[in-house]
Amino acid sequence: MRTPLVEAQVAAQARVHGVAESEVLEKIFLETNAIKRLIEPDEVAAAVEFLCRPGAWAMTGNVFPMNSGWLAH
């Protein structure tokens, strides 16, 4: 998920892997991600909002992965 911590790691990862900062997301962070983009905080908030609605009353003890297909690899 796009957070200040992830954004702060871009420069460090570029140095470690010897790539340009503009390539860090694609070549390092999203390499095994099927969707090839970060999840935005408002998308997580929308999922939480859904789970708090009455229509989600039967969803108990379930995993609700938001990993943009990372587990698909």
Protein backbone atom coordinates (compact mmCIF):
# COMPACT_ATOMS: atom_id res chain seq x y z
CA MET A 1 0.00 0.00 0.00
CA ARG A 2 1.21 3.49 -0.77
CA THR A 3 2.25 4.95 2.57
CA PRO A 4 4.82 7.55 3.66
CA LEU A 5 7.07 4.67 4.73
CA VAL A 6 6.96 3.07 1.27
CA GLU A 7 7.57 6.43 -0.39
CA ALA A 8 10.57 7.01 1.90
CA GLN A 9 12.08 3.63 0.94
CA VAL A 10 12.27 4.43 -2.78
CA ALA A 11 15.65 6.20 -2.64
CA ALA A 12 17.18 3.56 -0.39
CA GLN A 13 15.99 0.72 -2.62
CA ALA A 14 17.31 2.51 -5.71
CA ARG A 15 20.76 2.68 -4.12
CA VAL A 16 20.73 -0.94 -2.93
CA HIS A 17 19.58 -2.35 -6.28
CA GLY A 18 21.43 0.08 -8.53
CA VAL A 19 18.37 1.37 -10.37
CA ALA A 20 16.87 4.80 -10.89
CA GLU A 21 14.32 5.94 -8.30
CA SER A 22 11.71 6.09 -11.09
CA GLU A 23 12.18 2.33 -11.64
CA VAL A 24 11.92 1.18 -8.02
CA LEU A 25 8.15 0.63 -7.96
CA GLU A 26 8.08 -1.39 -11.18
CA LYS A 27 11.32 -3.36 -10.84
CA ILE A 28 11.44 -3.96 -7.07
CA PHE A 29 8.26 -3.23 -5.14
CA LEU A 30 5.81 -4.50 -7.79
CA GLU A 31 7.91 -7.21 -9.43
CA THR A 32 5.71 -10.07 -8.17
CA ASN A 33 2.50 -8.01 -8.12
CA ALA A 34 -0.03 -9.12 -10.75
CA ILE A 35 -1.73 -5.71 -11.00
CA LYS A 36 1.55 -3.69 -11.06
CA ARG A 37 0.42 -0.77 -8.92
CA LEU A 38 0.31 0.09 -5.25
CA ILE A 39 -2.94 -0.07 -3.33
CA GLU A 40 -4.02 3.42 -2.32
CA PRO A 41 -5.12 4.23 1.24
CA ASP A 42 -8.61 5.25 0.07
CA GLU A 43 -9.05 1.78 -1.47
CA VAL A 44 -8.33 0.16 1.89
CA ALA A 45 -10.73 2.59 3.52
CA ALA A 46 -13.44 1.61 1.01
CA ALA A 47 -12.96 -2.07 1.89
CA VAL A 48 -13.22 -1.29 5.60
CA GLU A 49 -16.33 0.77 4.94
CA PHE A 50 -17.89 -2.17 3.11
CA LEU A 51 -17.10 -4.54 5.98
CA CYS A 52 -18.78 -2.15 8.42
CA ARG A 53 -22.05 -2.09 6.48
CA PRO A 54 -25.01 -4.26 7.41
CA GLY A 55 -24.68 -6.23 4.16
CA ALA A 56 -21.37 -7.70 5.35
CA TRP A 57 -22.84 -9.07 8.58
CA ALA A 58 -22.16 -12.70 7.57
CA MET A 59 -18.47 -12.15 6.89
CA THR A 60 -16.85 -13.38 10.08
CA GLY A 61 -13.43 -14.91 10.59
CA ASN A 62 -12.48 -14.51 6.94
CA VAL A 63 -9.30 -13.31 5.34
CA PHE A 64 -9.86 -10.26 3.14
CA PRO A 65 -6.59 -9.98 1.21
CA MET A 66 -5.80 -6.73 -0.55
CA ASN A 67 -2.52 -7.58 -2.23
CA SER A 68 -3.11 -6.72 -5.91
CA GLY A 69 -2.56 -10.30 -6.92
CA TRP A 70 0.72 -10.83 -5.06
CA LEU A 71 -0.51 -14.19 -3.78
CA ALA A 72 -1.33 -15.27 -7.33
CA HIS A 73 2.32 -15.86 -8.17
